[in-house]
Amino acid sequence: MPKLASKTAVITGGASGIGLAIAKLFAAEGAAVEILDRNLEEMDRAVAEITAAGGTATATACDVADAGQVDSVVAGIHGRRGRIHILVNNAGIAHVGNALTTTPEDFERVQRVNVFGPANCLRSTLQFMVADGAGGVILNLASCVSVMAINDRFAYATSKGAVLAMTYAVAKDFLAHNIRCNALLPGRVHTPFVDGFIAKNYPGREDEMFDKLSKAQPIGRMAEPIEIAYAALFLCSDEASFITGTGMPVDGGTLTIR
């Protein structure tokens, strides 16, 4: 039997990168996938790919940093599907800079997407999970930098530390409602964002920097998005029914065997 048969899964940032890998895998495992994203072209492509593979998917344009917009979209999904079983808070943005080089504007921009975004989606989804009385599963995409330091990630690390703390709080507060909440702590993942970051910041040295960034992880390479997706599938499935309030590293040994 598919692991997510007859379940509705809301996936933010589900039109590209890690979010797309999660959306495709969840659909393949029987979920009705609801993608929230801002890139209309990527959203259409994601839905087409999932549908062509025999899955069920719908995409809705949504800025997760806008609480009113999130409330409206989530209410629409609940009304259409009847229930939301799974929320994956994946949408996020990165930023490079330390405490001196990060402007107040950039710091606020990162927090609005990476912290306010998950909080908005949590609040909107939890009200239906609680009211429906049948439990649910929430998965937040945190990061290795939630619990460790790397150079020049002041705003990003701050936001991902908050996401992990948010995970603990929700797991504790909604335990009695049979709602599980966990987080993934990925290491560096090979996504189009990484390729674009290298091309922008190290023109002419792309291969060298890709190799350097890959080997920064003990396993000697970056993760592929599907590897993060399989961890997400486990934590969102009934196989993980005894797991809540945890941050699971998927990091090639970065946190433990550096």
Protein backbone atom coordinates (compact mmCIF):
# COMPACT_ATOMS: atom_id res chain seq x y z
CA MET A 1 0.00 0.00 0.00
CA PRO A 2 1.21 3.54 -0.69
CA LYS A 3 2.45 5.17 2.52
CA LEU A 4 0.31 8.30 2.14
CA ALA A 5 -2.81 6.92 0.48
CA SER A 6 -5.86 9.20 0.74
CA LYS A 7 -3.94 11.91 2.60
CA THR A 8 -3.76 15.61 1.75
CA ALA A 9 -0.29 17.12 2.02
CA VAL A 10 0.35 20.87 1.86
CA ILE A 11 3.92 21.60 0.77
CA THR A 12 5.21 25.15 0.78
CA GLY A 13 7.90 25.99 -1.74
CA GLY A 14 6.94 22.78 -3.47
CA ALA A 15 7.60 23.85 -7.05
CA SER A 16 11.38 23.50 -7.09
CA GLY A 17 14.39 22.01 -5.33
CA ILE A 18 13.79 20.02 -2.16
CA GLY A 19 10.11 20.96 -2.09
CA LEU A 20 9.53 19.58 -5.58
CA ALA A 21 11.28 16.33 -4.71
CA ILE A 22 9.02 16.00 -1.65
CA ALA A 23 5.91 16.83 -3.68
CA LYS A 24 6.72 14.23 -6.34
CA LEU A 25 7.50 11.50 -3.81
CA PHE A 26 4.44 12.19 -1.68
CA ALA A 27 2.22 12.11 -4.77
CA ALA A 28 3.81 8.83 -5.84
CA GLU A 29 2.95 7.49 -2.38
CA GLY A 30 -0.72 8.33 -2.80
CA ALA A 31 -1.05 11.82 -1.33
CA ALA A 32 -3.12 14.59 -2.85
CA VAL A 33 -0.40 17.24 -2.98
CA GLU A 34 -1.18 20.93 -2.53
CA ILE A 35 1.78 23.09 -3.55
CA LEU A 36 2.11 26.65 -2.25
CA ASP A 37 4.68 28.71 -4.11
CA ARG A 38 5.29 32.06 -5.79
CA ASN A 39 6.82 31.05 -9.12
CA LEU A 40 3.88 30.49 -11.46
CA GLU A 41 5.93 28.89 -14.22
CA GLU A 42 7.59 26.40 -11.87
CA MET A 43 4.24 25.66 -10.22
CA ASP A 44 2.62 24.77 -13.54
CA ARG A 45 5.57 22.58 -14.47
CA ALA A 46 5.48 20.78 -11.12
CA VAL A 47 1.78 19.99 -11.39
CA ALA A 48 2.21 18.79 -14.97
CA GLU A 49 5.06 16.47 -14.01
CA ILE A 50 3.20 15.00 -11.04
CA THR A 51 0.01 14.55 -13.02
CA ALA A 52 1.84 12.94 -15.93
CA ALA A 53 3.31 10.43 -13.48
CA GLY A 54 -0.17 9.49 -12.28
CA GLY A 55 -0.24 11.60 -9.13
CA THR A 56 -2.65 14.22 -7.83
CA ALA A 57 -1.44 17.78 -7.40
CA THR A 58 -2.73 21.33 -7.29
CA ALA A 59 -0.65 24.49 -7.01
CA THR A 60 -1.72 27.81 -5.55
CA ALA A 61 0.22 31.07 -5.66
CA CYS A 62 0.90 32.13 -2.09
CA ASP A 63 3.35 34.36 -0.25
CA VAL A 64 3.84 32.52 3.04
CA ALA A 65 5.02 35.75 4.70
CA ASP A 66 1.52 37.20 4.20
CA ALA A 67 -0.64 35.85 7.03
CA GLY A 68 -3.94 36.84 5.43
CA GLN A 69 -3.02 35.22 2.15
CA VAL A 70 -1.98 32.01 3.92
CA ASP A 71 -5.24 31.89 5.89
CA SER A 72 -7.26 32.24 2.70
CA VAL A 73 -5.30 29.60 0.76
CA VAL A 74 -5.27 27.05 3.58
CA ALA A 75 -9.00 27.50 4.18
CA GLY A 76 -9.59 26.92 0.47
CA ILE A 77 -7.57 23.70 0.53
CA HIS A 78 -9.42 22.43 3.59
CA GLY A 79 -12.75 23.26 2.02
CA ARG A 80 -11.79 21.49 -1.20
CA ARG A 81 -10.17 18.40 0.34
CA GLY A 82 -12.16 18.12 3.57
CA ARG A 83 -9.07 17.64 5.70
CA ILE A 84 -5.36 18.48 5.82
CA HIS A 85 -3.33 15.54 7.06
CA ILE A 86 0.21 16.82 6.47
CA LEU A 87 1.93 20.20 6.37
CA VAL A 88 5.51 20.48 5.11
CA ASN A 89 7.02 23.90 5.80
CA ASN A 90 9.72 23.95 3.16
CA ALA A 91 9.60 27.46 1.65
CA GLY A 92 12.62 29.53 2.52
CA ILE A 93 15.32 31.86 1.26
CA ALA A 94 19.06 32.06 1.93
CA HIS A 95 21.39 34.94 2.62
CA VAL A 96 25.17 35.31 2.84
CA GLY A 97 26.62 37.75 5.35
CA ASN A 98 27.77 38.19 8.94
CA ALA A 99 26.44 40.48 11.67
CA LEU A 100 28.23 43.48 10.18
CA THR A 101 27.56 42.91 6.49
CA THR A 102 23.89 41.90 6.82
CA THR A 103 21.69 44.96 6.49
CA PRO A 104 18.61 45.36 8.69
CA GLU A 105 16.50 45.11 5.55
CA ASP A 106 18.05 41.80 4.53
CA PHE A 107 17.79 40.43 8.06
CA GLU A 108 14.09 41.28 8.21
CA ARG A 109 13.46 39.86 4.73
CA VAL A 110 14.95 36.49 5.68
CA GLN A 111 13.01 36.30 8.95
CA ARG A 112 9.73 37.20 7.25
CA VAL A 113 10.01 34.27 4.85
CA ASN A 114 11.87 31.71 6.98
CA VAL A 115 10.26 32.38 10.38
CA PHE A 116 7.00 34.26 9.86
CA GLY A 117 6.23 32.02 6.86
CA PRO A 118 6.26 28.72 8.77
CA ALA A 119 4.50 30.37 11.71
CA ASN A 120 1.70 31.59 9.43
CA CYS A 121 1.29 28.17 7.84
CA LEU A 122 1.38 26.44 11.22
CA ARG A 123 -1.28 28.68 12.67
CA SER A 124 -3.59 28.34 9.68
CA THR A 125 -3.20 24.57 9.40
CA LEU A 126 -3.27 23.74 13.10
CA GLN A 127 -6.67 25.36 13.58
CA PHE A 128 -8.16 22.85 11.13
CA MET A 129 -6.19 19.88 12.47
CA VAL A 130 -7.41 20.65 15.99
CA ALA A 131 -11.01 21.34 14.93
CA ASP A 132 -11.18 18.17 12.84
CA GLY A 133 -10.05 16.16 15.85
CA ALA A 134 -8.20 13.52 13.85
CA GLY A 135 -4.59 14.55 14.39
CA GLY A 136 -2.02 15.37 11.78
CA VAL A 137 1.66 15.63 10.92
CA ILE A 138 3.82 18.72 10.54
CA LEU A 139 7.34 18.72 9.17
CA ASN A 140 9.54 21.81 9.21
CA LEU A 141 12.65 22.17 7.08
CA ALA A 142 15.30 23.49 9.42
CA SER A 143 19.03 23.09 8.73
CA CYS A 144 22.35 21.95 10.15
CA VAL A 145 22.94 25.62 10.93
CA SER A 146 20.06 25.45 13.39
CA VAL A 147 22.57 23.89 15.79
CA MET A 148 26.03 24.68 14.39
CA ALA A 149 27.95 27.60 12.92
CA ILE A 150 29.27 28.15 9.43
CA ASN A 151 30.75 31.34 8.06
CA ASP A 152 28.57 34.23 6.87
CA ARG A 153 25.10 32.86 7.59
CA PHE A 154 24.01 35.30 10.31
CA ALA A 155 20.43 35.92 9.14
CA TYR A 156 19.88 32.43 7.74
CA ALA A 157 21.19 30.63 10.83
CA THR A 158 19.05 32.83 13.05
CA SER A 159 15.95 31.90 11.05
CA LYS A 160 16.67 28.18 11.04
CA GLY A 161 17.38 28.15 14.76
CA ALA A 162 13.94 29.65 15.20
CA VAL A 163 12.36 26.98 13.00
CA LEU A 164 13.82 24.22 15.17
CA ALA A 165 12.64 25.92 18.37
CA MET A 166 9.22 26.35 16.77
CA THR A 167 9.17 22.61 16.06
CA TYR A 168 9.74 21.76 19.71
CA ALA A 169 7.05 24.20 20.85
CA VAL A 170 4.38 22.87 18.47
CA ALA A 171 5.20 19.24 19.29
CA LYS A 172 4.72 19.98 23.00
CA ASP A 173 1.65 22.17 22.72
CA PHE A 174 -0.35 19.88 20.42
CA LEU A 175 0.64 16.45 21.70
CA ALA A 176 -2.79 15.92 23.23
CA HIS A 177 -4.38 16.58 19.84
CA ASN A 178 -2.44 13.70 18.23
CA ILE A 179 -0.46 16.13 16.09
CA ARG A 180 3.18 15.22 15.53
CA CYS A 181 5.73 17.89 14.64
CA ASN A 182 9.30 17.22 13.59
CA ALA A 183 12.07 18.96 11.67
CA LEU A 184 14.68 17.91 9.15
CA LEU A 185 18.20 19.31 9.44
CA PRO A 186 19.71 18.92 5.98
CA GLY A 187 23.32 19.57 5.15
CA ARG A 188 24.20 21.13 1.81
CA VAL A 189 21.86 19.91 -0.94
CA HIS A 190 22.55 20.13 -4.68
CA THR A 191 19.71 22.30 -5.95
CA PRO A 192 19.48 24.95 -8.68
CA PHE A 193 19.97 27.52 -5.91
CA VAL A 194 23.44 26.14 -5.15
CA ASP A 195 24.42 26.23 -8.82
CA GLY A 196 23.19 29.81 -9.10
CA PHE A 197 24.99 30.85 -5.91
CA ILE A 198 28.29 29.44 -7.16
CA ALA A 199 27.89 31.00 -10.61
CA LYS A 200 27.11 34.41 -9.11
CA ASN A 201 29.81 34.50 -6.46
CA TYR A 202 32.62 32.50 -8.09
CA PRO A 203 32.50 33.13 -11.85
CA GLY A 204 35.11 31.06 -13.67
CA ARG A 205 35.67 28.87 -10.59
CA GLU A 206 32.40 26.95 -10.65
CA ASP A 207 33.87 23.44 -10.76
CA GLU A 208 36.45 24.22 -8.10
CA MET A 209 33.90 25.67 -5.69
CA PHE A 210 31.35 22.94 -6.30
CA ASP A 211 34.01 20.38 -5.38
CA LYS A 212 35.04 22.36 -2.30
CA LEU A 213 31.48 22.78 -1.04
CA SER A 214 30.74 19.11 -1.70
CA LYS A 215 33.76 17.90 0.25
CA ALA A 216 32.93 20.15 3.21
CA GLN A 217 30.60 17.35 4.31
CA PRO A 218 32.24 14.23 5.74
CA ILE A 219 30.47 11.95 3.28
CA GLY A 220 32.27 13.82 0.50
CA ARG A 221 29.34 15.14 -1.54
CA MET A 222 26.16 17.15 -1.42
CA ALA A 223 22.81 15.48 -0.90
CA GLU A 224 20.38 15.08 -3.76
CA PRO A 225 16.89 16.51 -3.14
CA ILE A 226 15.33 13.05 -3.31
CA GLU A 227 17.43 11.96 -0.33
CA ILE A 228 15.86 14.70 1.76
CA ALA A 229 12.45 13.76 0.37
CA TYR A 230 12.77 10.14 1.56
CA ALA A 231 13.52 11.35 5.09
CA ALA A 232 10.48 13.63 4.85
CA LEU A 233 8.33 10.72 3.70
CA PHE A 234 9.37 8.63 6.68
CA LEU A 235 8.62 11.34 9.25
CA CYS A 236 5.26 12.12 7.65
CA SER A 237 4.19 8.48 7.37
CA ASP A 238 2.55 6.25 9.95
CA GLU A 239 5.87 4.39 10.21
CA ALA A 240 7.10 7.34 12.30
CA SER A 241 4.05 7.40 14.57
CA PHE A 242 6.22 7.33 17.72
CA ILE A 243 8.43 10.24 16.64
CA THR A 244 7.63 13.82 17.55
CA GLY A 245 9.55 16.86 18.73
CA THR A 246 12.80 15.90 17.06
CA GLY A 247 15.25 17.42 14.60
CA MET A 248 16.57 14.72 12.29
CA PRO A 249 19.93 15.42 10.60
CA VAL A 250 20.20 14.42 6.95
CA ASP A 251 23.66 15.82 6.56
CA GLY A 252 26.25 13.30 5.46
CA GLY A 253 27.76 13.24 8.95
CA THR A 254 28.26 16.99 9.22
CA LEU A 255 26.98 17.34 12.77
CA THR A 256 28.62 14.27 14.24
CA ILE A 257 31.80 13.30 12.39
CA ARG A 258 33.30 16.56 11.15
